[in-house]
């Protein structure tokens, strides 16, 4: 029997609960209406392989039930729902501005049957939206209203887009939870701390800084620390920079020149060498227009609320 899943918001794939007879009529990529905890939603079908199916049998994740495969009428209805979502978003923004609330609305999302609407928003501080909720209740009658506070990383995962690598954002493709990302991760990998190059669309440090960090730490174990005195084939010097991937060391010699050596060609020495090196060369690399507090780019309570 073929097994299918639907991708719920925030990279959560839920098994589709259907009979064998119905499963035989389903195909990869079909748009279907399913029952979720929020109500009826429209999602795309994904056929899963035997390995994933085996994991489902083992861990028994909570499935979603199929209402029906979308027909032409449903598709037209869904188009109207999407248009109404945009109208609802702009209306809510008007009400937020009227109440002078410090919240940035990200998206409005109806269930397919329009019985519930969820407004996603970001805010750096706690928002008292009781009066706003009253306004929304008057505006959207007979509709359940959910105001959901999310983080800036959550916002990017909802809006989607492409990163500097040319791929879709990791948070849109596979990340379910965000690891804590700080400037130390970039510094320990020898990455120049240029804010525009090490931050994502969310304004926080790139999630991918965490992916290879352990490899760099492992490589650093066999390399002398920056600032240590070493003996090279060209004389004594001080380690100025490390090339983790090549496992080579840049050494500043007594004549002021900087040369790159293999690890096996140098030896650490105990004596102090009177050579000055710039240990902050990679620490900060700002342009005149990029005077940014690096701490503001690190994760905080507003990065992700897990409330998507």
Protein backbone atom coordinates (compact mmCIF):
# COMPACT_ATOMS: atom_id res chain seq x y z
CA UNK A 1 0.00 0.00 0.00
CA UNK A 2 1.24 3.48 -0.89
CA UNK A 3 1.72 5.83 2.07
CA UNK A 4 1.31 9.60 1.93
CA UNK A 5 2.05 12.63 4.06
CA UNK A 6 1.13 16.32 4.04
CA UNK A 7 3.48 19.12 5.03
CA UNK A 8 1.96 21.17 7.81
CA UNK A 9 3.41 24.61 8.50
CA UNK A 10 6.92 24.63 10.01
CA UNK A 11 8.29 21.54 8.27
CA UNK A 12 6.10 19.08 10.10
CA UNK A 13 5.04 16.17 7.90
CA UNK A 14 1.94 14.35 9.10
CA UNK A 15 0.90 10.86 7.94
CA UNK A 16 -2.32 10.80 5.94
CA UNK A 17 -4.83 8.32 7.34
CA UNK A 18 -6.65 6.68 4.44
CA UNK A 19 -7.86 3.23 3.44
CA UNK A 20 -5.94 1.11 0.94
CA UNK A 21 -8.69 1.65 -1.64
CA UNK A 22 -8.44 5.47 -1.37
CA UNK A 23 -4.63 5.38 -1.24
CA UNK A 24 -4.59 3.68 -4.64
CA UNK A 25 -6.33 6.75 -6.11
CA UNK A 26 -3.89 9.27 -4.62
CA UNK A 27 -0.85 10.64 -6.41
CA UNK A 28 2.26 12.61 -5.52
CA UNK A 29 1.67 16.36 -5.74
CA UNK A 30 -2.13 16.30 -5.53
CA UNK A 31 -3.79 19.05 -3.51
CA UNK A 32 -6.07 17.69 -0.81
CA UNK A 33 -8.26 18.95 2.02
CA UNK A 34 -7.41 17.45 5.40
CA UNK A 35 -8.59 17.80 8.99
CA UNK A 36 -5.95 19.25 11.32
CA UNK A 37 -6.02 20.59 14.87
CA UNK A 38 -6.81 24.04 13.39
CA UNK A 39 -9.64 22.81 11.17
CA UNK A 40 -9.87 21.99 7.47
CA UNK A 41 -6.68 22.93 5.60
CA UNK A 42 -5.38 22.57 2.06
CA UNK A 43 -2.07 20.78 1.64
CA UNK A 44 0.05 19.07 -1.00
CA UNK A 45 0.47 15.28 -1.01
CA UNK A 46 3.90 13.66 -0.67
CA UNK A 47 4.38 9.95 -1.24
CA UNK A 48 6.76 8.54 1.37
CA UNK A 49 9.28 5.75 0.93
CA UNK A 50 9.39 2.44 2.80
CA UNK A 51 12.00 3.66 5.31
CA UNK A 52 9.76 6.52 6.49
CA UNK A 53 6.74 4.23 6.52
CA UNK A 54 8.67 1.83 8.77
CA UNK A 55 9.45 4.68 11.18
CA UNK A 56 5.78 5.59 11.29
CA UNK A 57 4.88 2.00 12.16
CA UNK A 58 7.46 2.10 14.95
CA UNK A 59 6.71 5.47 16.54
CA UNK A 60 3.05 5.86 15.49
CA UNK A 61 2.90 9.66 14.89
CA UNK A 62 -0.50 11.34 15.02
CA UNK A 63 -2.06 11.29 11.52
CA UNK A 64 -4.41 13.70 9.76
CA UNK A 65 -7.56 12.51 8.05
CA UNK A 66 -8.42 13.10 4.43
CA UNK A 67 -11.59 15.06 3.68
CA UNK A 68 -11.28 14.80 -0.10
CA UNK A 69 -9.07 15.41 -3.10
CA UNK A 70 -9.59 18.96 -4.29
CA UNK A 71 -11.93 19.30 -7.24
CA UNK A 72 -12.37 22.31 -9.56
CA UNK A 73 -14.94 23.91 -7.25
CA UNK A 74 -12.61 23.51 -4.27
CA UNK A 75 -9.73 25.09 -6.19
CA UNK A 76 -11.83 28.14 -7.03
CA UNK A 77 -12.96 28.36 -3.41
CA UNK A 78 -9.35 28.14 -2.23
CA UNK A 79 -8.36 31.00 -4.55
CA UNK A 80 -11.06 33.14 -2.96
CA UNK A 81 -9.88 32.14 0.52
CA UNK A 82 -6.34 33.25 -0.32
CA UNK A 83 -7.64 36.61 -1.57
CA UNK A 84 -9.64 37.01 1.64
CA UNK A 85 -6.50 36.27 3.68
CA UNK A 86 -4.73 39.25 2.07
CA UNK A 87 -7.73 41.51 2.74
CA UNK A 88 -7.87 40.30 6.35
CA UNK A 89 -4.15 40.99 6.83
CA UNK A 90 -4.47 44.59 5.62
CA UNK A 91 -7.59 45.15 7.72
CA UNK A 92 -5.85 43.85 10.82
CA UNK A 93 -2.86 46.11 10.12
CA UNK A 94 -5.23 49.10 10.02
CA UNK A 95 -6.65 48.13 13.40
CA UNK A 96 -3.17 47.59 14.86
CA UNK A 97 -2.14 51.06 13.69
CA UNK A 98 -5.35 52.53 15.10
CA UNK A 99 -4.61 51.00 18.51
CA UNK A 100 -0.93 52.02 18.21
CA UNK A 101 0.30 48.55 19.11
CA UNK A 102 3.96 47.57 18.70
CA UNK A 103 3.36 44.42 16.68
CA UNK A 104 4.37 43.53 13.14
CA UNK A 105 1.79 41.39 11.37
CA UNK A 106 3.36 38.68 9.24
CA UNK A 107 0.50 36.69 7.77
CA UNK A 108 -3.21 35.94 8.02
CA UNK A 109 -4.31 32.38 7.41
CA UNK A 110 -7.87 31.07 7.11
CA UNK A 111 -8.89 27.46 7.41
CA UNK A 112 -10.46 26.19 4.17
CA UNK A 113 -13.97 26.37 5.64
CA UNK A 114 -13.23 29.93 6.93
CA UNK A 115 -14.32 29.01 10.44
CA UNK A 116 -11.02 30.16 11.89
CA UNK A 117 -8.43 32.79 11.03
CA UNK A 118 -4.92 32.98 12.52
CA UNK A 119 -2.90 36.19 12.55
CA UNK A 120 0.85 35.66 12.96
CA UNK A 121 2.82 38.59 14.36
CA UNK A 122 6.25 39.46 15.75
CA UNK A 123 6.93 41.86 18.58
CA UNK A 124 9.95 42.71 20.71
CA UNK A 125 7.77 43.11 23.78
CA UNK A 126 4.61 41.75 25.31
CA UNK A 127 1.49 43.12 23.60
CA UNK A 128 -1.86 43.72 25.25
CA UNK A 129 -4.18 43.03 22.31
CA UNK A 130 -7.47 42.70 24.19
CA UNK A 131 -8.96 45.79 22.55
CA UNK A 132 -7.64 44.67 19.16
CA UNK A 133 -9.32 41.31 19.63
CA UNK A 134 -12.63 43.08 20.26
CA UNK A 135 -12.16 45.05 17.04
CA UNK A 136 -11.39 41.88 15.10
CA UNK A 137 -14.42 40.12 16.57
CA UNK A 138 -16.61 42.91 15.24
CA UNK A 139 -14.90 42.83 11.84
CA UNK A 140 -14.81 39.04 11.34
CA UNK A 141 -18.11 37.73 12.61
CA UNK A 142 -18.72 34.02 13.22
CA UNK A 143 -15.02 33.32 12.82
CA UNK A 144 -12.68 32.04 15.52
CA UNK A 145 -9.73 34.44 15.81
CA UNK A 146 -6.25 33.41 16.90
CA UNK A 147 -3.50 36.00 17.44
CA UNK A 148 -0.23 34.10 17.49
CA UNK A 149 3.09 35.60 18.62
CA UNK A 150 6.05 34.19 16.67
CA UNK A 151 9.78 34.96 16.51
CA UNK A 152 11.73 36.57 13.66
CA UNK A 153 13.16 33.19 12.64
CA UNK A 154 9.62 31.75 12.61
CA UNK A 155 8.50 34.69 10.46
CA UNK A 156 11.14 33.93 7.82
CA UNK A 157 10.19 30.25 7.76
CA UNK A 158 6.57 31.23 7.04
CA UNK A 159 7.30 33.84 4.37
CA UNK A 160 10.00 31.67 2.70
CA UNK A 161 12.69 32.72 0.24
CA UNK A 162 16.22 31.90 -0.95
CA UNK A 163 19.45 32.27 0.99
CA UNK A 164 22.87 33.46 -0.20
CA UNK A 165 23.68 29.83 -1.08
CA UNK A 166 20.94 29.84 -3.73
CA UNK A 167 18.80 27.28 -1.92
CA UNK A 168 15.52 27.84 -0.11
CA UNK A 169 15.99 28.88 3.51
CA UNK A 170 16.85 25.94 5.76
CA UNK A 171 13.97 26.93 8.05
CA UNK A 172 11.60 26.49 5.07
CA UNK A 173 13.00 23.12 3.98
CA UNK A 174 13.91 20.93 6.93
CA UNK A 175 14.57 22.75 10.21
CA UNK A 176 11.88 22.07 12.80
CA UNK A 177 13.65 23.59 15.78
CA UNK A 178 16.26 26.34 15.88
CA UNK A 179 19.59 25.72 17.57
CA UNK A 180 21.12 28.58 19.54
CA UNK A 181 23.44 30.54 17.21
CA UNK A 182 26.00 33.02 18.57
CA UNK A 183 29.01 34.97 17.34
CA UNK A 184 31.40 32.45 18.88
CA UNK A 185 30.42 29.90 16.22
CA UNK A 186 31.57 32.22 13.42
CA UNK A 187 34.68 33.36 15.28
CA UNK A 188 35.87 29.80 15.95
CA UNK A 189 35.52 28.98 12.24
CA UNK A 190 37.61 31.99 11.23
CA UNK A 191 34.70 33.62 9.40
CA UNK A 192 34.94 37.43 8.98
CA UNK A 193 32.21 38.98 11.10
CA UNK A 194 30.60 41.06 8.36
CA UNK A 195 26.97 41.45 9.49
CA UNK A 196 25.48 41.45 5.98
CA UNK A 197 27.29 38.19 5.16
CA UNK A 198 26.69 36.18 8.31
CA UNK A 199 23.03 37.06 8.91
CA UNK A 200 19.94 35.72 7.21
CA UNK A 201 16.72 37.42 6.13
CA UNK A 202 15.51 37.17 9.73
CA UNK A 203 18.26 39.54 10.87
CA UNK A 204 19.83 36.85 13.05
CA UNK A 205 23.05 34.89 12.54
CA UNK A 206 22.82 32.21 9.84
CA UNK A 207 21.61 28.81 11.05
CA UNK A 208 24.24 27.13 8.85
CA UNK A 209 27.02 28.50 11.08
CA UNK A 210 26.18 25.58 13.32
CA UNK A 211 26.38 22.83 10.70
CA UNK A 212 30.16 22.44 10.38
CA UNK A 213 31.24 23.96 13.67
CA UNK A 214 32.18 20.60 15.21
CA UNK A 215 34.42 19.81 12.20
CA UNK A 216 36.32 23.07 12.67
CA UNK A 217 36.76 22.40 16.37
CA UNK A 218 38.12 18.95 15.59
CA UNK A 219 40.54 20.39 12.99
CA UNK A 220 41.70 23.07 15.44
CA UNK A 221 42.92 20.42 17.88
CA UNK A 222 45.93 19.65 15.70
CA UNK A 223 46.73 23.30 14.92
CA UNK A 224 48.63 25.78 17.13
CA UNK A 225 46.52 28.64 18.54
CA UNK A 226 46.65 32.08 16.96
CA UNK A 227 49.36 34.12 18.72
CA UNK A 228 51.53 31.15 19.67
CA UNK A 229 55.27 31.16 18.91
CA UNK A 230 56.49 28.64 16.34
CA UNK A 231 59.65 27.58 14.55
CA UNK A 232 59.34 27.39 10.76
CA UNK A 233 61.78 26.48 7.94
CA UNK A 234 62.17 30.26 7.48
CA UNK A 235 62.82 31.05 11.16
CA UNK A 236 60.74 31.88 14.21
CA UNK A 237 57.39 33.58 14.00
CA UNK A 238 53.90 33.89 15.43
CA UNK A 239 50.74 32.20 14.23
CA UNK A 240 48.61 34.90 12.60
CA UNK A 241 45.78 32.85 11.08
CA UNK A 242 44.51 29.29 10.75
CA UNK A 243 43.21 27.65 7.60
CA UNK A 244 41.08 24.87 9.03
CA UNK A 245 40.06 23.27 5.74
CA UNK A 246 43.62 23.02 4.37
CA UNK A 247 45.04 22.34 7.83
CA UNK A 248 47.65 25.02 7.23
CA UNK A 249 48.96 27.85 9.38
CA UNK A 250 49.77 31.45 8.39
CA UNK A 251 52.81 32.65 10.32
CA UNK A 252 54.13 36.19 10.65
CA UNK A 253 57.94 36.07 10.53
CA UNK A 254 60.49 38.43 12.06
CA UNK A 255 60.85 40.33 8.77
CA UNK A 256 57.12 41.15 8.84
CA UNK A 257 56.16 38.78 6.02
CA UNK A 258 53.29 36.34 6.45
CA UNK A 259 53.76 32.87 5.00
CA UNK A 260 51.59 29.78 4.99
CA UNK A 261 53.00 26.46 6.23
CA UNK A 262 51.76 22.93 6.61
CA UNK A 263 51.28 21.79 10.19
CA UNK A 264 54.02 19.21 9.84
CA UNK A 265 56.54 21.91 8.82
CA UNK A 266 56.29 23.97 11.99
CA UNK A 267 56.91 23.33 15.68
CA UNK A 268 55.63 25.21 18.69
CA UNK A 269 58.29 26.74 20.94
CA UNK A 270 58.21 28.04 24.52
CA UNK A 271 60.17 31.25 24.01
CA UNK A 272 58.35 34.55 23.52
CA UNK A 273 58.85 36.04 20.07
CA UNK A 274 58.74 39.84 19.77
CA UNK A 275 56.34 39.97 16.81
CA UNK A 276 53.03 41.79 16.86
CA UNK A 277 50.03 40.27 15.12
CA UNK A 278 46.52 41.60 14.62
CA UNK A 279 44.32 39.05 16.38
CA UNK A 280 41.19 41.09 15.59
CA UNK A 281 41.67 40.85 11.82
CA UNK A 282 38.79 38.41 11.48
CA UNK A 283 36.83 39.50 14.52
CA UNK A 284 34.97 42.42 12.98
CA UNK A 285 34.77 43.43 9.37
CA UNK A 286 32.37 46.36 9.07
CA UNK A 287 31.92 48.86 6.29
CA UNK A 288 31.15 52.45 7.28
CA UNK A 289 27.44 51.79 6.83
CA UNK A 290 27.45 48.62 8.92
CA UNK A 291 28.10 49.71 12.49
CA UNK A 292 26.10 46.95 14.17
CA UNK A 293 26.24 45.54 17.67
CA UNK A 294 27.11 41.89 16.99
CA UNK A 295 25.21 40.83 20.14
CA UNK A 296 22.00 42.11 18.55
CA UNK A 297 22.39 39.47 15.84
CA UNK A 298 22.53 36.58 18.29
CA UNK A 299 19.50 34.57 19.39
CA UNK A 300 17.24 35.91 22.11
CA UNK A 301 13.69 35.29 23.32
CA UNK A 302 12.32 36.93 20.16
CA UNK A 303 14.21 34.68 17.72
CA UNK A 304 11.75 31.81 17.88
CA UNK A 305 8.72 31.22 20.07
CA UNK A 306 7.93 27.73 18.74
CA UNK A 307 4.39 29.03 18.39
CA UNK A 308 3.91 28.43 14.66
